[in-house]
Amino acid sequence: MKDNIIAVRTFDFALNIINLYSELKKENEFIISKQLLRSGTSIGANVEEAIAAQSRKDFISKMAIASKEARETKYWLRLLDKSSLTNITVSDYLNEIEHIINIITKIIKTTQQAKPASLQ
């Protein structure tokens, strides 16, 4: 069985966010790091829920939540990038979250536009 690309990417991203959170804590950055931990790990959790959705509507709803969490994560990463709170470079994280947002957006749009399966 082929791995679900977005599930794998969001899981790997969550692991990277956990590591970033640990590094931020070492630099005594506790506020944004906690927000980033919550939103950055929530993306994959919502993707996993979407995969187990009971209907197309449920799938779209869970993926939309994943999209919102991804956008929030991007916000916190941008704040870290532009502030002087830390010297940690977050450009790779910003690049990956942008890819994740694009993939999730495409999944949502494709699912919304797909014709429902006909009953046979």
N, C-alpha and C. Protein backbone atom coordinates (compact mmCIF):
# COMPACT_ATOMS: atom_id res chain seq x y z
N MET A 1 0.84 -1.17 0.00
CA MET A 1 0.00 0.00 0.00
C MET A 1 0.89 1.25 0.00
N LYS A 2 0.54 2.20 -0.82
CA LYS A 2 1.33 3.43 -0.95
C LYS A 2 1.05 4.36 0.23
N ASP A 3 2.11 4.99 0.74
CA ASP A 3 1.95 5.93 1.84
C ASP A 3 1.21 7.18 1.39
N ASN A 4 0.41 7.70 2.26
CA ASN A 4 -0.31 8.95 2.00
C ASN A 4 0.69 10.09 2.19
N ILE A 5 1.00 10.78 1.10
CA ILE A 5 2.05 11.80 1.11
C ILE A 5 1.80 12.89 2.15
N ILE A 6 0.58 13.40 2.21
CA ILE A 6 0.32 14.49 3.15
C ILE A 6 0.36 13.99 4.60
N ALA A 7 -0.06 12.76 4.82
CA ALA A 7 0.02 12.21 6.18
C ALA A 7 1.47 12.05 6.61
N VAL A 8 2.31 11.57 5.71
CA VAL A 8 3.73 11.41 6.01
C VAL A 8 4.39 12.77 6.23
N ARG A 9 4.12 13.71 5.34
CA ARG A 9 4.75 15.03 5.45
C ARG A 9 4.34 15.76 6.72
N THR A 10 3.06 15.69 7.08
CA THR A 10 2.62 16.40 8.28
C THR A 10 3.14 15.72 9.55
N PHE A 11 3.28 14.40 9.51
CA PHE A 11 3.86 13.68 10.65
C PHE A 11 5.33 14.08 10.82
N ASP A 12 6.08 14.04 9.73
CA ASP A 12 7.49 14.44 9.78
C ASP A 12 7.65 15.89 10.21
N PHE A 13 6.76 16.75 9.72
CA PHE A 13 6.79 18.16 10.11
C PHE A 13 6.55 18.29 11.60
N ALA A 14 5.59 17.54 12.14
CA ALA A 14 5.30 17.59 13.58
C ALA A 14 6.53 17.19 14.39
N LEU A 15 7.24 16.15 13.94
CA LEU A 15 8.46 15.74 14.63
C LEU A 15 9.49 16.87 14.61
N ASN A 16 9.63 17.53 13.48
CA ASN A 16 10.57 18.65 13.37
C ASN A 16 10.15 19.82 14.26
N ILE A 17 8.86 20.05 14.37
CA ILE A 17 8.36 21.12 15.25
C ILE A 17 8.64 20.79 16.71
N ILE A 18 8.52 19.54 17.08
CA ILE A 18 8.84 19.12 18.46
C ILE A 18 10.32 19.41 18.75
N ASN A 19 11.18 19.10 17.79
CA ASN A 19 12.61 19.37 17.96
C ASN A 19 12.88 20.88 18.04
N LEU A 20 12.20 21.65 17.20
CA LEU A 20 12.35 23.11 17.24
C LEU A 20 11.89 23.65 18.58
N TYR A 21 10.78 23.13 19.07
CA TYR A 21 10.25 23.54 20.38
C TYR A 21 11.30 23.31 21.47
N SER A 22 11.96 22.17 21.43
CA SER A 22 13.01 21.87 22.42
C SER A 22 14.15 22.87 22.33
N GLU A 23 14.55 23.22 21.11
CA GLU A 23 15.62 24.20 20.91
C GLU A 23 15.20 25.59 21.40
N LEU A 24 13.97 25.95 21.13
CA LEU A 24 13.47 27.26 21.57
C LEU A 24 13.42 27.35 23.09
N LYS A 25 13.02 26.26 23.75
CA LYS A 25 12.99 26.25 25.20
C LYS A 25 14.39 26.45 25.79
N LYS A 26 15.40 25.87 25.12
CA LYS A 26 16.78 26.04 25.58
C LYS A 26 17.21 27.50 25.52
N GLU A 27 16.60 28.26 24.59
CA GLU A 27 16.90 29.68 24.46
C GLU A 27 15.91 30.54 25.26
N ASN A 28 15.16 29.90 26.15
CA ASN A 28 14.20 30.58 27.02
C ASN A 28 13.09 31.29 26.27
N GLU A 29 12.68 30.73 25.16
CA GLU A 29 11.53 31.27 24.42
C GLU A 29 10.38 30.30 24.71
N PHE A 30 9.44 30.74 25.52
CA PHE A 30 8.38 29.85 25.99
C PHE A 30 7.00 30.16 25.44
N ILE A 31 6.75 31.38 25.01
CA ILE A 31 5.41 31.77 24.60
C ILE A 31 5.10 31.34 23.17
N ILE A 32 5.85 31.83 22.22
CA ILE A 32 5.60 31.47 20.82
C ILE A 32 5.88 29.99 20.60
N SER A 33 6.90 29.47 21.28
CA SER A 33 7.24 28.05 21.09
C SER A 33 6.07 27.14 21.46
N LYS A 34 5.35 27.47 22.50
CA LYS A 34 4.21 26.65 22.93
C LYS A 34 3.08 26.73 21.90
N GLN A 35 2.82 27.91 21.39
CA GLN A 35 1.79 28.07 20.35
C GLN A 35 2.18 27.28 19.10
N LEU A 36 3.44 27.39 18.75
CA LEU A 36 3.97 26.69 17.58
C LEU A 36 3.86 25.18 17.75
N LEU A 37 4.17 24.69 18.93
CA LEU A 37 4.06 23.25 19.22
C LEU A 37 2.63 22.77 19.03
N ARG A 38 1.69 23.53 19.56
CA ARG A 38 0.28 23.13 19.47
C ARG A 38 -0.22 23.11 18.04
N SER A 39 0.00 24.21 17.31
CA SER A 39 -0.53 24.27 15.94
C SER A 39 0.26 23.36 15.00
N GLY A 40 1.57 23.29 15.17
CA GLY A 40 2.41 22.50 14.27
C GLY A 40 2.19 21.00 14.37
N THR A 41 1.81 20.53 15.55
CA THR A 41 1.52 19.10 15.70
C THR A 41 0.06 18.77 15.41
N SER A 42 -0.78 19.77 15.45
CA SER A 42 -2.21 19.57 15.20
C SER A 42 -2.52 19.31 13.72
N ILE A 43 -1.67 19.81 12.84
CA ILE A 43 -1.92 19.65 11.40
C ILE A 43 -2.05 18.17 11.06
N GLY A 44 -1.05 17.40 11.42
CA GLY A 44 -1.05 15.97 11.10
C GLY A 44 -2.17 15.21 11.79
N ALA A 45 -2.50 15.61 13.01
CA ALA A 45 -3.59 14.95 13.73
C ALA A 45 -4.91 15.13 12.97
N ASN A 46 -5.13 16.33 12.43
CA ASN A 46 -6.35 16.58 11.67
C ASN A 46 -6.34 15.88 10.32
N VAL A 47 -5.17 15.76 9.72
CA VAL A 47 -5.06 14.99 8.47
C VAL A 47 -5.42 13.53 8.74
N GLU A 48 -4.92 12.98 9.84
CA GLU A 48 -5.24 11.59 10.19
C GLU A 48 -6.74 11.42 10.43
N GLU A 49 -7.36 12.39 11.08
CA GLU A 49 -8.82 12.33 11.27
C GLU A 49 -9.54 12.39 9.94
N ALA A 50 -9.05 13.21 9.02
CA ALA A 50 -9.67 13.33 7.70
C ALA A 50 -9.59 12.00 6.95
N ILE A 51 -8.47 11.31 7.07
CA ILE A 51 -8.30 10.03 6.39
C ILE A 51 -9.35 9.03 6.87
N ALA A 52 -9.75 9.14 8.12
CA ALA A 52 -10.76 8.24 8.69
C ALA A 52 -12.17 8.83 8.64
N ALA A 53 -12.36 9.85 7.84
CA ALA A 53 -13.66 10.54 7.78
C ALA A 53 -14.78 9.59 7.37
N GLN A 54 -15.98 9.90 7.85
CA GLN A 54 -17.14 9.07 7.57
C GLN A 54 -17.89 9.52 6.32
N SER A 55 -17.55 10.70 5.82
CA SER A 55 -18.21 11.21 4.62
C SER A 55 -17.29 12.22 3.94
N ARG A 56 -17.66 12.59 2.73
CA ARG A 56 -16.89 13.61 2.02
C ARG A 56 -16.92 14.94 2.78
N LYS A 57 -18.09 15.28 3.29
CA LYS A 57 -18.24 16.52 4.05
C LYS A 57 -17.34 16.51 5.29
N ASP A 58 -17.30 15.39 5.98
CA ASP A 58 -16.45 15.23 7.16
C ASP A 58 -14.98 15.34 6.77
N PHE A 59 -14.60 14.71 5.65
CA PHE A 59 -13.23 14.77 5.15
C PHE A 59 -12.81 16.22 4.88
N ILE A 60 -13.66 16.94 4.16
CA ILE A 60 -13.35 18.34 3.82
C ILE A 60 -13.25 19.18 5.10
N SER A 61 -14.14 18.94 6.04
CA SER A 61 -14.12 19.68 7.30
C SER A 61 -12.81 19.47 8.05
N LYS A 62 -12.36 18.23 8.17
CA LYS A 62 -11.12 17.93 8.89
C LYS A 62 -9.91 18.48 8.16
N MET A 63 -9.91 18.40 6.82
CA MET A 63 -8.80 18.96 6.05
C MET A 63 -8.78 20.48 6.15
N ALA A 64 -9.96 21.09 6.25
CA ALA A 64 -10.03 22.55 6.41
C ALA A 64 -9.44 22.96 7.76
N ILE A 65 -9.67 22.16 8.78
CA ILE A 65 -9.08 22.44 10.10
C ILE A 65 -7.56 22.29 10.01
N ALA A 66 -7.10 21.26 9.31
CA ALA A 66 -5.65 21.08 9.12
C ALA A 66 -5.05 22.29 8.41
N SER A 67 -5.77 22.81 7.43
CA SER A 67 -5.33 24.00 6.70
C SER A 67 -5.22 25.20 7.63
N LYS A 68 -6.21 25.39 8.47
CA LYS A 68 -6.18 26.51 9.42
C LYS A 68 -5.01 26.39 10.39
N GLU A 69 -4.77 25.18 10.87
CA GLU A 69 -3.65 24.95 11.78
C GLU A 69 -2.31 25.20 11.08
N ALA A 70 -2.23 24.81 9.81
CA ALA A 70 -1.01 25.04 9.04
C ALA A 70 -0.75 26.53 8.86
N ARG A 71 -1.81 27.26 8.58
CA ARG A 71 -1.67 28.71 8.41
C ARG A 71 -1.30 29.39 9.73
N GLU A 72 -1.84 28.91 10.83
CA GLU A 72 -1.45 29.44 12.14
C GLU A 72 0.02 29.15 12.41
N THR A 73 0.45 27.95 12.08
CA THR A 73 1.84 27.57 12.26
C THR A 73 2.76 28.48 11.45
N LYS A 74 2.35 28.76 10.22
CA LYS A 74 3.12 29.67 9.37
C LYS A 74 3.24 31.04 10.04
N TYR A 75 2.17 31.50 10.64
CA TYR A 75 2.17 32.79 11.34
C TYR A 75 3.21 32.81 12.46
N TRP A 76 3.21 31.78 13.31
CA TRP A 76 4.14 31.73 14.43
C TRP A 76 5.58 31.63 13.92
N LEU A 77 5.79 30.87 12.86
CA LEU A 77 7.13 30.77 12.28
C LEU A 77 7.61 32.11 11.72
N ARG A 78 6.70 32.83 11.09
CA ARG A 78 7.05 34.15 10.55
C ARG A 78 7.40 35.11 11.70
N LEU A 79 6.66 35.04 12.79
CA LEU A 79 6.98 35.88 13.95
C LEU A 79 8.37 35.57 14.48
N LEU A 80 8.67 34.28 14.59
CA LEU A 80 10.01 33.90 15.05
C LEU A 80 11.08 34.40 14.09
N ASP A 81 10.80 34.28 12.81
CA ASP A 81 11.76 34.67 11.78
C ASP A 81 12.05 36.17 11.82
N LYS A 82 11.02 36.97 12.02
CA LYS A 82 11.16 38.43 11.95
C LYS A 82 11.48 39.10 13.29
N SER A 83 11.31 38.37 14.37
CA SER A 83 11.59 38.94 15.68
C SER A 83 13.05 38.67 16.07
N SER A 84 13.43 39.23 17.18
CA SER A 84 14.78 38.97 17.69
C SER A 84 14.73 38.08 18.93
N LEU A 85 13.71 37.25 18.99
CA LEU A 85 13.54 36.38 20.15
C LEU A 85 14.55 35.24 20.19
N THR A 86 15.02 34.85 19.01
CA THR A 86 15.92 33.71 18.93
C THR A 86 16.84 33.86 17.73
N ASN A 87 17.93 33.14 17.74
CA ASN A 87 18.85 33.13 16.60
C ASN A 87 18.66 31.89 15.73
N ILE A 88 17.67 31.08 16.06
CA ILE A 88 17.40 29.87 15.29
C ILE A 88 16.80 30.25 13.94
N THR A 89 17.34 29.67 12.89
CA THR A 89 16.83 29.91 11.54
C THR A 89 15.63 29.01 11.28
N VAL A 90 14.53 29.62 10.84
CA VAL A 90 13.31 28.85 10.60
C VAL A 90 12.91 28.81 9.13
N SER A 91 13.80 29.21 8.25
CA SER A 91 13.46 29.26 6.82
C SER A 91 13.06 27.90 6.25
N ASP A 92 13.72 26.83 6.68
CA ASP A 92 13.34 25.49 6.20
C ASP A 92 11.94 25.12 6.67
N TYR A 93 11.59 25.50 7.88
CA TYR A 93 10.25 25.24 8.40
C TYR A 93 9.21 26.03 7.61
N LEU A 94 9.53 27.28 7.32
CA LEU A 94 8.61 28.12 6.53
C LEU A 94 8.41 27.55 5.13
N ASN A 95 9.47 27.06 4.53
CA ASN A 95 9.39 26.46 3.21
C ASN A 95 8.49 25.21 3.24
N GLU A 96 8.69 24.37 4.23
CA GLU A 96 7.90 23.14 4.33
C GLU A 96 6.44 23.43 4.63
N ILE A 97 6.17 24.38 5.51
CA ILE A 97 4.76 24.67 5.84
C ILE A 97 4.05 25.25 4.63
N GLU A 98 4.76 25.99 3.81
CA GLU A 98 4.17 26.52 2.57
C GLU A 98 3.78 25.37 1.64
N HIS A 99 4.65 24.37 1.52
CA HIS A 99 4.33 23.19 0.71
C HIS A 99 3.12 22.44 1.27
N ILE A 100 3.09 22.29 2.58
CA ILE A 100 1.98 21.59 3.23
C ILE A 100 0.66 22.34 2.99
N ILE A 101 0.68 23.64 3.15
CA ILE A 101 -0.53 24.45 2.90
C ILE A 101 -1.00 24.27 1.47
N ASN A 102 -0.08 24.31 0.52
CA ASN A 102 -0.44 24.14 -0.89
C ASN A 102 -1.04 22.77 -1.17
N ILE A 103 -0.47 21.74 -0.59
CA ILE A 103 -0.99 20.37 -0.81
C ILE A 103 -2.38 20.24 -0.21
N ILE A 104 -2.56 20.70 1.02
CA ILE A 104 -3.87 20.59 1.68
C ILE A 104 -4.92 21.39 0.91
N THR A 105 -4.56 22.58 0.47
CA THR A 105 -5.50 23.41 -0.31
C THR A 105 -5.92 22.68 -1.58
N LYS A 106 -4.98 22.06 -2.26
CA LYS A 106 -5.27 21.32 -3.49
C LYS A 106 -6.18 20.12 -3.19
N ILE A 107 -5.91 19.43 -2.10
CA ILE A 107 -6.74 18.28 -1.71
C ILE A 107 -8.18 18.73 -1.47
N ILE A 108 -8.34 19.82 -0.74
CA ILE A 108 -9.69 20.33 -0.43
C ILE A 108 -10.41 20.72 -1.71
N LYS A 109 -9.75 21.47 -2.58
CA LYS A 109 -10.39 21.92 -3.82
C LYS A 109 -10.75 20.75 -4.73
N THR A 110 -9.86 19.80 -4.84
CA THR A 110 -10.12 18.62 -5.68
C THR A 110 -11.29 17.82 -5.13
N THR A 111 -11.34 17.66 -3.83
CA THR A 111 -12.44 16.91 -3.20
C THR A 111 -13.77 17.64 -3.38
N GLN A 112 -13.75 18.95 -3.25
CA GLN A 112 -14.98 19.73 -3.42
C GLN A 112 -15.49 19.66 -4.86
N GLN A 113 -14.59 19.59 -5.81
CA GLN A 113 -14.97 19.60 -7.23
C GLN A 113 -15.30 18.23 -7.78
N ALA A 114 -14.87 17.17 -7.08
CA ALA A 114 -15.10 15.81 -7.56
C ALA A 114 -16.60 15.48 -7.51
N LYS A 115 -17.03 14.77 -8.52
CA LYS A 115 -18.43 14.34 -8.55
C LYS A 115 -18.61 13.20 -7.56
N PRO A 116 -19.74 13.19 -6.89
CA PRO A 116 -20.00 12.09 -5.94
C PRO A 116 -20.08 10.76 -6.69
N ALA A 117 -19.63 9.73 -6.03
CA ALA A 117 -19.70 8.39 -6.63
C ALA A 117 -21.16 8.00 -6.81
N SER A 118 -21.47 7.48 -7.97
CA SER A 118 -22.84 7.10 -8.23
C SER A 118 -23.17 5.77 -7.57
N LEU A 119 -24.42 5.62 -7.22
CA LEU A 119 -24.86 4.36 -6.61
C LEU A 119 -25.10 3.34 -7.72
N GLN A 120 -24.63 2.15 -7.52
CA GLN A 120 -24.80 1.11 -8.53
C GLN A 120 -25.63 -0.02 -8.01
